[in-house]
Amino acid sequence: MQTRFDDEDDAARALIERRWFALDRAAGRLQQQCDGLRAAMQAAQDAWLRAQSELAALQALRDAVGDELAWRDAARPPLGPQPLRAVGSAG
């Protein structure tokens, strides 16, 4: 024979089970969100590292070209005043 206490215990157990399943579903959804965010963060980190590498290569190339320009400017004789030439008229 079932008593009132058994019915209350069954109702409480059912409520606790419903809460557990609801929390389990919510935790699963949040875990998926965390996994997606982790993947996005990893992709962003990878892209940042590639960009940093490209930036370093471009800066090194820029500096090398700048050094060559400076070397060429230093090797060029200085431009002094140019002698004036007479301009003839047609005619």
PDB file of N, CA and C in Angstrom:
ATOM      1  N   MET A   1       0.829  -1.168   0.000  1.00  0.00           N
ATOM      2  CA  MET A   1       0.000   0.000   0.000  1.00  0.00           C
ATOM      3  C   MET A   1       0.885   1.246   0.000  1.00  0.00           C
ATOM      4  N   GLN A   2       0.499   2.197  -0.839  1.00  0.00           N
ATOM      5  CA  GLN A   2       1.268   3.427  -0.953  1.00  0.00           C
ATOM      6  C   GLN A   2       0.687   4.469  -0.006  1.00  0.00           C
ATOM      7  N   THR A   3       1.602   5.190   0.644  1.00  0.00           N
ATOM      8  CA  THR A   3       1.150   6.219   1.576  1.00  0.00           C
ATOM      9  C   THR A   3       1.308   7.594   0.952  1.00  0.00           C
ATOM     10  N   ARG A   4       0.801   8.559   1.660  1.00  0.00           N
ATOM     11  CA  ARG A   4       0.933   9.937   1.215  1.00  0.00           C
ATOM     12  C   ARG A   4       2.404  10.331   1.135  1.00  0.00           C
ATOM     13  N   PHE A   5       3.214   9.817   2.029  1.00  0.00           N
ATOM     14  CA  PHE A   5       4.643  10.138   2.026  1.00  0.00           C
ATOM     15  C   PHE A   5       5.332   9.572   0.790  1.00  0.00           C
ATOM     16  N   ASP A   6       4.890   8.391   0.361  1.00  0.00           N
ATOM     17  CA  ASP A   6       5.443   7.804  -0.859  1.00  0.00           C
ATOM     18  C   ASP A   6       5.101   8.673  -2.066  1.00  0.00           C
ATOM     19  N   ASP A   7       3.863   9.165  -2.133  1.00  0.00           N
ATOM     20  CA  ASP A   7       3.460  10.025  -3.238  1.00  0.00           C
ATOM     21  C   ASP A   7       4.265  11.321  -3.250  1.00  0.00           C
ATOM     22  N   GLU A   8       4.453  11.909  -2.067  1.00  0.00           N
ATOM     23  CA  GLU A   8       5.244  13.143  -1.975  1.00  0.00           C
ATOM     24  C   GLU A   8       6.699  12.879  -2.361  1.00  0.00           C
ATOM     25  N   ASP A   9       7.215  11.731  -1.962  1.00  0.00           N
ATOM     26  CA  ASP A   9       8.598  11.376  -2.298  1.00  0.00           C
ATOM     27  C   ASP A   9       8.744  11.174  -3.801  1.00  0.00           C
ATOM     28  N   ASP A  10       7.756  10.521  -4.428  1.00  0.00           N
ATOM     29  CA  ASP A  10       7.790  10.328  -5.877  1.00  0.00           C
ATOM     30  C   ASP A  10       7.713  11.664  -6.614  1.00  0.00           C
ATOM     31  N   ALA A  11       6.864  12.565  -6.123  1.00  0.00           N
ATOM     32  CA  ALA A  11       6.721  13.876  -6.758  1.00  0.00           C
ATOM     33  C   ALA A  11       8.025  14.674  -6.618  1.00  0.00           C
ATOM     34  N   ALA A  12       8.629  14.610  -5.462  1.00  0.00           N
ATOM     35  CA  ALA A  12       9.892  15.325  -5.244  1.00  0.00           C
ATOM     36  C   ALA A  12      10.982  14.739  -6.124  1.00  0.00           C
ATOM     37  N   ARG A  13      11.024  13.424  -6.218  1.00  0.00           N
ATOM     38  CA  ARG A  13      12.020  12.763  -7.068  1.00  0.00           C
ATOM     39  C   ARG A  13      11.829  13.163  -8.536  1.00  0.00           C
ATOM     40  N   ALA A  14      10.579  13.193  -8.980  1.00  0.00           N
ATOM     41  CA  ALA A  14      10.295  13.567 -10.368  1.00  0.00           C
ATOM     42  C   ALA A  14      10.726  15.011 -10.628  1.00  0.00           C
ATOM     43  N   LEU A  15      10.467  15.895  -9.677  1.00  0.00           N
ATOM     44  CA  LEU A  15      10.875  17.288  -9.818  1.00  0.00           C
ATOM     45  C   LEU A  15      12.398  17.398  -9.898  1.00  0.00           C
ATOM     46  N   ILE A  16      13.077  16.682  -9.033  1.00  0.00           N
ATOM     47  CA  ILE A  16      14.550  16.705  -9.042  1.00  0.00           C
ATOM     48  C   ILE A  16      15.079  16.151 -10.357  1.00  0.00           C
ATOM     49  N   GLU A  17      14.474  15.089 -10.870  1.00  0.00           N
ATOM     50  CA  GLU A  17      14.900  14.523 -12.155  1.00  0.00           C
ATOM     51  C   GLU A  17      14.690  15.523 -13.291  1.00  0.00           C
ATOM     52  N   ARG A  18      13.534  16.205 -13.317  1.00  0.00           N
ATOM     53  CA  ARG A  18      13.274  17.208 -14.361  1.00  0.00           C
ATOM     54  C   ARG A  18      14.311  18.333 -14.289  1.00  0.00           C
ATOM     55  N   ARG A  19      14.616  18.763 -13.081  1.00  0.00           N
ATOM     56  CA  ARG A  19      15.632  19.806 -12.924  1.00  0.00           C
ATOM     57  C   ARG A  19      16.993  19.319 -13.429  1.00  0.00           C
ATOM     58  N   TRP A  20      17.325  18.070 -13.085  1.00  0.00           N
ATOM     59  CA  TRP A  20      18.624  17.528 -13.503  1.00  0.00           C
ATOM     60  C   TRP A  20      18.716  17.489 -15.031  1.00  0.00           C
ATOM     61  N   PHE A  21      17.677  16.986 -15.684  1.00  0.00           N
ATOM     62  CA  PHE A  21      17.697  16.904 -17.148  1.00  0.00           C
ATOM     63  C   PHE A  21      17.741  18.301 -17.783  1.00  0.00           C
ATOM     64  N   ALA A  22      17.013  19.256 -17.208  1.00  0.00           N
ATOM     65  CA  ALA A  22      17.046  20.626 -17.732  1.00  0.00           C
ATOM     66  C   ALA A  22      18.446  21.214 -17.579  1.00  0.00           C
ATOM     67  N   LEU A  23      19.054  20.990 -16.433  1.00  0.00           N
ATOM     68  CA  LEU A  23      20.417  21.495 -16.213  1.00  0.00           C
ATOM     69  C   LEU A  23      21.423  20.795 -17.122  1.00  0.00           C
ATOM     70  N   ASP A  24      21.216  19.515 -17.369  1.00  0.00           N
ATOM     71  CA  ASP A  24      22.109  18.769 -18.262  1.00  0.00           C
ATOM     72  C   ASP A  24      22.013  19.317 -19.686  1.00  0.00           C
ATOM     73  N   ARG A  25      20.789  19.612 -20.157  1.00  0.00           N
ATOM     74  CA  ARG A  25      20.629  20.201 -21.490  1.00  0.00           C
ATOM     75  C   ARG A  25      21.274  21.585 -21.561  1.00  0.00           C
ATOM     76  N   ALA A  26      21.069  22.393 -20.527  1.00  0.00           N
ATOM     77  CA  ALA A  26      21.660  23.734 -20.504  1.00  0.00           C
ATOM     78  C   ALA A  26      23.193  23.647 -20.497  1.00  0.00           C
ATOM     79  N   ALA A  27      23.732  22.716 -19.735  1.00  0.00           N
ATOM     80  CA  ALA A  27      25.183  22.541 -19.696  1.00  0.00           C
ATOM     81  C   ALA A  27      25.710  22.084 -21.051  1.00  0.00           C
ATOM     82  N   GLY A  28      24.974  21.234 -21.737  1.00  0.00           N
ATOM     83  CA  GLY A  28      25.374  20.780 -23.070  1.00  0.00           C
ATOM     84  C   GLY A  28      25.403  21.928 -24.067  1.00  0.00           C
ATOM     85  N   ARG A  29      24.372  22.787 -24.008  1.00  0.00           N
ATOM     86  CA  ARG A  29      24.349  23.954 -24.905  1.00  0.00           C
ATOM     87  C   ARG A  29      25.515  24.893 -24.611  1.00  0.00           C
ATOM     88  N   LEU A  30      25.772  25.123 -23.347  1.00  0.00           N
ATOM     89  CA  LEU A  30      26.875  26.004 -22.979  1.00  0.00           C
ATOM     90  C   LEU A  30      28.219  25.388 -23.355  1.00  0.00           C
ATOM     91  N   GLN A  31      28.343  24.071 -23.242  1.00  0.00           N
ATOM     92  CA  GLN A  31      29.579  23.401 -23.658  1.00  0.00           C
ATOM     93  C   GLN A  31      29.810  23.585 -25.152  1.00  0.00           C
ATOM     94  N   GLN A  32      28.742  23.479 -25.951  1.00  0.00           N
ATOM     95  CA  GLN A  32      28.869  23.708 -27.398  1.00  0.00           C
ATOM     96  C   GLN A  32      29.305  25.139 -27.682  1.00  0.00           C
ATOM     97  N   GLN A  33      28.745  26.087 -26.959  1.00  0.00           N
ATOM     98  CA  GLN A  33      29.124  27.484 -27.138  1.00  0.00           C
ATOM     99  C   GLN A  33      30.602  27.680 -26.774  1.00  0.00           C
ATOM    100  N   CYS A  34      31.024  27.093 -25.678  1.00  0.00           N
ATOM    101  CA  CYS A  34      32.433  27.196 -25.269  1.00  0.00           C
ATOM    102  C   CYS A  34      33.349  26.574 -26.322  1.00  0.00           C
ATOM    103  N   ASP A  35      32.963  25.437 -26.869  1.00  0.00           N
ATOM    104  CA  ASP A  35      33.765  24.790 -27.903  1.00  0.00           C
ATOM    105  C   ASP A  35      33.878  25.672 -29.142  1.00  0.00           C
ATOM    106  N   GLY A  36      32.768  26.289 -29.530  1.00  0.00           N
ATOM    107  CA  GLY A  36      32.786  27.186 -30.684  1.00  0.00           C
ATOM    108  C   GLY A  36      33.671  28.401 -30.442  1.00  0.00           C
ATOM    109  N   LEU A  37      33.572  28.959 -29.257  1.00  0.00           N
ATOM    110  CA  LEU A  37      34.415  30.113 -28.919  1.00  0.00           C
ATOM    111  C   LEU A  37      35.893  29.738 -28.882  1.00  0.00           C
ATOM    112  N   ARG A  38      36.190  28.557 -28.367  1.00  0.00           N
ATOM    113  CA  ARG A  38      37.587  28.108 -28.329  1.00  0.00           C
ATOM    114  C   ARG A  38      38.125  27.956 -29.748  1.00  0.00           C
ATOM    115  N   ALA A  39      37.324  27.415 -30.644  1.00  0.00           N
ATOM    116  CA  ALA A  39      37.747  27.262 -32.042  1.00  0.00           C
ATOM    117  C   ALA A  39      37.958  28.632 -32.689  1.00  0.00           C
ATOM    118  N   ALA A  40      37.057  29.569 -32.409  1.00  0.00           N
ATOM    119  CA  ALA A  40      37.194  30.921 -32.964  1.00  0.00           C
ATOM    120  C   ALA A  40      38.449  31.600 -32.418  1.00  0.00           C
ATOM    121  N   MET A  41      38.713  31.423 -31.141  1.00  0.00           N
ATOM    122  CA  MET A  41      39.915  32.012 -30.539  1.00  0.00           C
ATOM    123  C   MET A  41      41.175  31.415 -31.156  1.00  0.00           C
ATOM    124  N   GLN A  42      41.170  30.121 -31.414  1.00  0.00           N
ATOM    125  CA  GLN A  42      42.329  29.471 -32.014  1.00  0.00           C
ATOM    126  C   GLN A  42      42.543  29.982 -33.432  1.00  0.00           C
ATOM    127  N   ALA A  43      41.456  30.131 -34.183  1.00  0.00           N
ATOM    128  CA  ALA A  43      41.557  30.652 -35.546  1.00  0.00           C
ATOM    129  C   ALA A  43      42.091  32.082 -35.531  1.00  0.00           C
ATOM    130  N   ALA A  44      41.613  32.887 -34.583  1.00  0.00           N
ATOM    131  CA  ALA A  44      42.101  34.268 -34.471  1.00  0.00           C
ATOM    132  C   ALA A  44      43.576  34.286 -34.086  1.00  0.00           C
ATOM    133  N   GLN A  45      43.974  33.430 -33.189  1.00  0.00           N
ATOM    134  CA  GLN A  45      45.382  33.345 -32.777  1.00  0.00           C
ATOM    135  C   GLN A  45      46.263  32.950 -33.959  1.00  0.00           C
ATOM    136  N   ASP A  46      45.818  31.969 -34.735  1.00  0.00           N
ATOM    137  CA  ASP A  46      46.580  31.537 -35.906  1.00  0.00           C
ATOM    138  C   ASP A  46      46.710  32.667 -36.923  1.00  0.00           C
ATOM    139  N   ALA A  47      45.611  33.381 -37.170  1.00  0.00           N
ATOM    140  CA  ALA A  47      45.634  34.497 -38.122  1.00  0.00           C
ATOM    141  C   ALA A  47      46.558  35.602 -37.624  1.00  0.00           C
ATOM    142  N   TRP A  48      46.530  35.870 -36.330  1.00  0.00           N
ATOM    143  CA  TRP A  48      47.394  36.906 -35.756  1.00  0.00           C
ATOM    144  C   TRP A  48      48.867  36.521 -35.921  1.00  0.00           C
ATOM    145  N   LEU A  49      49.194  35.266 -35.663  1.00  0.00           N
ATOM    146  CA  LEU A  49      50.584  34.820 -35.817  1.00  0.00           C
ATOM    147  C   LEU A  49      51.046  34.927 -37.269  1.00  0.00           C
ATOM    148  N   ARG A  50      50.167  34.560 -38.217  1.00  0.00           N
ATOM    149  CA  ARG A  50      50.521  34.700 -39.633  1.00  0.00           C
ATOM    150  C   ARG A  50      50.736  36.163 -39.995  1.00  0.00           C
ATOM    151  N   ALA A  51      49.861  37.033 -39.529  1.00  0.00           N
ATOM    152  CA  ALA A  51      49.984  38.465 -39.825  1.00  0.00           C
ATOM    153  C   ALA A  51      51.259  39.032 -39.210  1.00  0.00           C
ATOM    154  N   GLN A  52      51.593  38.621 -38.008  1.00  0.00           N
ATOM    155  CA  GLN A  52      52.824  39.082 -37.372  1.00  0.00           C
ATOM    156  C   GLN A  52      54.050  38.651 -38.176  1.00  0.00           C
ATOM    157  N   SER A  53      54.016  37.430 -38.677  1.00  0.00           N
ATOM    158  CA  SER A  53      55.124  36.923 -39.486  1.00  0.00           C
ATOM    159  C   SER A  53      55.248  37.711 -40.789  1.00  0.00           C
ATOM    160  N   GLU A  54      54.121  37.961 -41.446  1.00  0.00           N
ATOM    161  CA  GLU A  54      54.138  38.748 -42.681  1.00  0.00           C
ATOM    162  C   GLU A  54      54.608  40.172 -42.414  1.00  0.00           C
ATOM    163  N   LEU A  55      54.175  40.740 -41.302  1.00  0.00           N
ATOM    164  CA  LEU A  55      54.587  42.090 -40.937  1.00  0.00           C
ATOM    165  C   LEU A  55      56.102  42.156 -40.736  1.00  0.00           C
ATOM    166  N   ALA A  56      56.655  41.189 -40.038  1.00  0.00           N
ATOM    167  CA  ALA A  56      58.101  41.175 -39.812  1.00  0.00           C
ATOM    168  C   ALA A  56      58.852  41.068 -41.138  1.00  0.00           C
ATOM    169  N   ALA A  57      58.357  40.231 -42.052  1.00  0.00           N
ATOM    170  CA  ALA A  57      59.011  40.086 -43.357  1.00  0.00           C
ATOM    171  C   ALA A  57      58.937  41.390 -44.147  1.00  0.00           C
ATOM    172  N   LEU A  58      57.781  42.041 -44.150  1.00  0.00           N
ATOM    173  CA  LEU A  58      57.638  43.310 -44.866  1.00  0.00           C
ATOM    174  C   LEU A  58      58.512  44.405 -44.259  1.00  0.00           C
ATOM    175  N   GLN A  59      58.582  44.442 -42.942  1.00  0.00           N
ATOM    176  CA  GLN A  59      59.423  45.449 -42.294  1.00  0.00           C
ATOM    177  C   GLN A  59      60.902  45.215 -42.619  1.00  0.00           C
ATOM    178  N   ALA A  60      61.325  43.961 -42.649  1.00  0.00           N
ATOM    179  CA  ALA A  60      62.713  43.656 -42.991  1.00  0.00           C
ATOM    180  C   ALA A  60      63.005  44.060 -44.429  1.00  0.00           C
ATOM    181  N   LEU A  61      62.079  43.788 -45.342  1.00  0.00           N
ATOM    182  CA  LEU A  61      62.248  44.178 -46.740  1.00  0.00           C
ATOM    183  C   LEU A  61      62.290  45.698 -46.874  1.00  0.00           C
ATOM    184  N   ARG A  62      61.381  46.384 -46.192  1.00  0.00           N
ATOM    185  CA  ARG A  62      61.366  47.844 -46.206  1.00  0.00           C
ATOM    186  C   ARG A  62      62.695  48.405 -45.697  1.00  0.00           C
ATOM    187  N   ASP A  63      63.209  47.850 -44.604  1.00  0.00           N
ATOM    188  CA  ASP A  63      64.467  48.331 -44.044  1.00  0.00           C
ATOM    189  C   ASP A  63      65.630  48.080 -44.993  1.00  0.00           C
ATOM    190  N   ALA A  64      65.620  46.926 -45.674  1.00  0.00           N
ATOM    191  CA  ALA A  64      66.688  46.624 -46.633  1.00  0.00           C
ATOM    192  C   ALA A  64      66.653  47.604 -47.803  1.00  0.00           C
ATOM    193  N   VAL A  65      65.466  47.907 -48.311  1.00  0.00           N
ATOM    194  CA  VAL A  65      65.349  48.860 -49.410  1.00  0.00           C
ATOM    195  C   VAL A  65      65.769  50.253 -48.925  1.00  0.00           C
ATOM    196  N   GLY A  66      65.396  50.613 -47.734  1.00  0.00           N
ATOM    197  CA  GLY A  66      65.808  51.893 -47.166  1.00  0.00           C
ATOM    198  C   GLY A  66      67.319  51.990 -47.023  1.00  0.00           C
ATOM    199  N   ASP A  67      67.955  50.890 -46.600  1.00  0.00           N
ATOM    200  CA  ASP A  67      69.424  50.873 -46.486  1.00  0.00           C
ATOM    201  C   ASP A  67      70.068  51.047 -47.857  1.00  0.00           C
ATOM    202  N   GLU A  68      69.506  50.389 -48.865  1.00  0.00           N
ATOM    203  CA  GLU A  68      70.063  50.526 -50.207  1.00  0.00           C
ATOM    204  C   GLU A  68      69.912  51.959 -50.713  1.00  0.00           C
ATOM    205  N   LEU A  69      68.765  52.559 -50.467  1.00  0.00           N
ATOM    206  CA  LEU A  69      68.577  53.960 -50.858  1.00  0.00           C
ATOM    207  C   LEU A  69      69.588  54.865 -50.166  1.00  0.00           C
ATOM    208  N   ALA A  70      69.784  54.659 -48.883  1.00  0.00           N
ATOM    209  CA  ALA A  70      70.740  55.473 -48.137  1.00  0.00           C
ATOM    210  C   ALA A  70      72.147  55.268 -48.681  1.00  0.00           C
ATOM    211  N   TRP A  71      72.500  54.017 -49.008  1.00  0.00           N
ATOM    212  CA  TRP A  71      73.833  53.731 -49.555  1.00  0.00           C
ATOM    213  C   TRP A  71      74.008  54.429 -50.895  1.00  0.00           C
ATOM    214  N   ARG A  72      72.993  54.361 -51.737  1.00  0.00           N
ATOM    215  CA  ARG A  72      73.075  55.011 -53.052  1.00  0.00           C
ATOM    216  C   ARG A  72      73.164  56.535 -52.906  1.00  0.00           C
ATOM    217  N   ASP A  73      72.412  57.084 -51.993  1.00  0.00           N
ATOM    218  CA  ASP A  73      72.484  58.531 -51.774  1.00  0.00           C
ATOM    219  C   ASP A  73      73.859  58.943 -51.270  1.00  0.00           C
ATOM    220  N   ALA A  74      74.456  58.135 -50.437  1.00  0.00           N
ATOM    221  CA  ALA A  74      75.780  58.449 -49.903  1.00  0.00           C
ATOM    222  C   ALA A  74      76.852  58.307 -50.975  1.00  0.00           C
ATOM    223  N   ALA A  75      76.684  57.406 -51.915  1.00  0.00           N
ATOM    224  CA  ALA A  75      77.679  57.175 -52.961  1.00  0.00           C
ATOM    225  C   ALA A  75      77.566  58.187 -54.088  1.00  0.00           C
ATOM    226  N   ARG A  76      76.471  58.868 -54.209  1.00  0.00           N
ATOM    227  CA  ARG A  76      76.248  59.837 -55.296  1.00  0.00           C
ATOM    228  C   ARG A  76      77.028  61.119 -54.963  1.00  0.00           C
ATOM    229  N   PRO A  77      77.696  61.676 -55.959  1.00  0.00           N
ATOM    230  CA  PRO A  77      78.386  62.936 -55.696  1.00  0.00           C
ATOM    231  C   PRO A  77      77.366  64.030 -55.399  1.00  0.00           C
ATOM    232  N   PRO A  78      77.726  64.929 -54.513  1.00  0.00           N
ATOM    233  CA  PRO A  78      76.762  65.984 -54.175  1.00  0.00           C
ATOM    234  C   PRO A  78      76.497  66.873 -55.373  1.00  0.00           C
ATOM    235  N   LEU A  79      75.290  67.300 -55.464  1.00  0.00           N
ATOM    236  CA  LEU A  79      74.915  68.189 -56.557  1.00  0.00           C
ATOM    237  C   LEU A  79      75.247  69.618 -56.147  1.00  0.00           C
ATOM    238  N   GLY A  80      76.142  70.223 -56.901  1.00  0.00           N
ATOM    239  CA  GLY A  80      76.491  71.611 -56.629  1.00  0.00           C
ATOM    240  C   GLY A  80      75.705  72.509 -57.550  1.00  0.00           C
ATOM    241  N   PRO A  81      75.980  73.801 -57.489  1.00  0.00           N
ATOM    242  CA  PRO A  81      75.285  74.711 -58.396  1.00  0.00           C
ATOM    243  C   PRO A  81      75.668  74.399 -59.827  1.00  0.00           C
ATOM    244  N   GLN A  82      74.710  74.372 -60.692  1.00  0.00           N
ATOM    245  CA  GLN A  82      74.937  74.077 -62.105  1.00  0.00           C
ATOM    246  C   GLN A  82      75.266  75.379 -62.837  1.00  0.00           C
ATOM    247  N   PRO A  83      76.250  75.330 -63.749  1.00  0.00           N
ATOM    248  CA  PRO A  83      76.540  76.547 -64.513  1.00  0.00           C
ATOM    249  C   PRO A  83      75.364  76.907 -65.412  1.00  0.00           C
ATOM    250  N   LEU A  84      75.139  78.184 -65.550  1.00  0.00           N
ATOM    251  CA  LEU A  84      74.048  78.652 -66.386  1.00  0.00           C
ATOM    252  C   LEU A  84      74.466  78.578 -67.836  1.00  0.00           C
ATOM    253  N   ARG A  85      73.584  78.121 -68.658  1.00  0.00           N
ATOM    254  CA  ARG A  85      73.855  78.059 -70.092  1.00  0.00           C
ATOM    255  C   ARG A  85      73.016  79.116 -70.786  1.00  0.00           C
ATOM    256  N   ALA A  86      73.588  79.676 -71.785  1.00  0.00           N
ATOM    257  CA  ALA A  86      72.848  80.662 -72.561  1.00  0.00           C
ATOM    258  C   ALA A  86      71.831  79.950 -73.403  1.00  0.00           C
ATOM    259  N   VAL A  87      70.687  80.479 -73.457  1.00  0.00           N
ATOM    260  CA  VAL A  87      69.606  79.908 -74.244  1.00  0.00           C
ATOM    261  C   VAL A  87      69.509  80.739 -75.511  1.00  0.00           C
ATOM    262  N   GLY A  88      69.689  80.056 -76.640  1.00  0.00           N
ATOM    263  CA  GLY A  88      69.622  80.776 -77.903  1.00  0.00           C
ATOM    264  C   GLY A  88      68.205  80.989 -78.357  1.00  0.00           C
ATOM    265  N   SER A  89      68.017  82.018 -79.172  1.00  0.00           N
ATOM    266  CA  SER A  89      66.673  82.259 -79.673  1.00  0.00           C
ATOM    267  C   SER A  89      66.587  81.751 -81.089  1.00  0.00           C
ATOM    268  N   ALA A  90      65.465  81.327 -81.477  1.00  0.00           N
ATOM    269  CA  ALA A  90      65.264  80.815 -82.835  1.00  0.00           C
ATOM    270  C   ALA A  90      65.132  81.981 -83.801  1.00  0.00           C
ATOM    271  N   GLY A  91      65.803  81.855 -84.881  1.00  0.00           N
ATOM    272  CA  GLY A  91      65.497  82.871 -85.755  1.00  0.00           C
ATOM    273  C   GLY A  91      66.355  83.467 -86.677  1.00  0.00           C
TER     274      GLY A  91
END
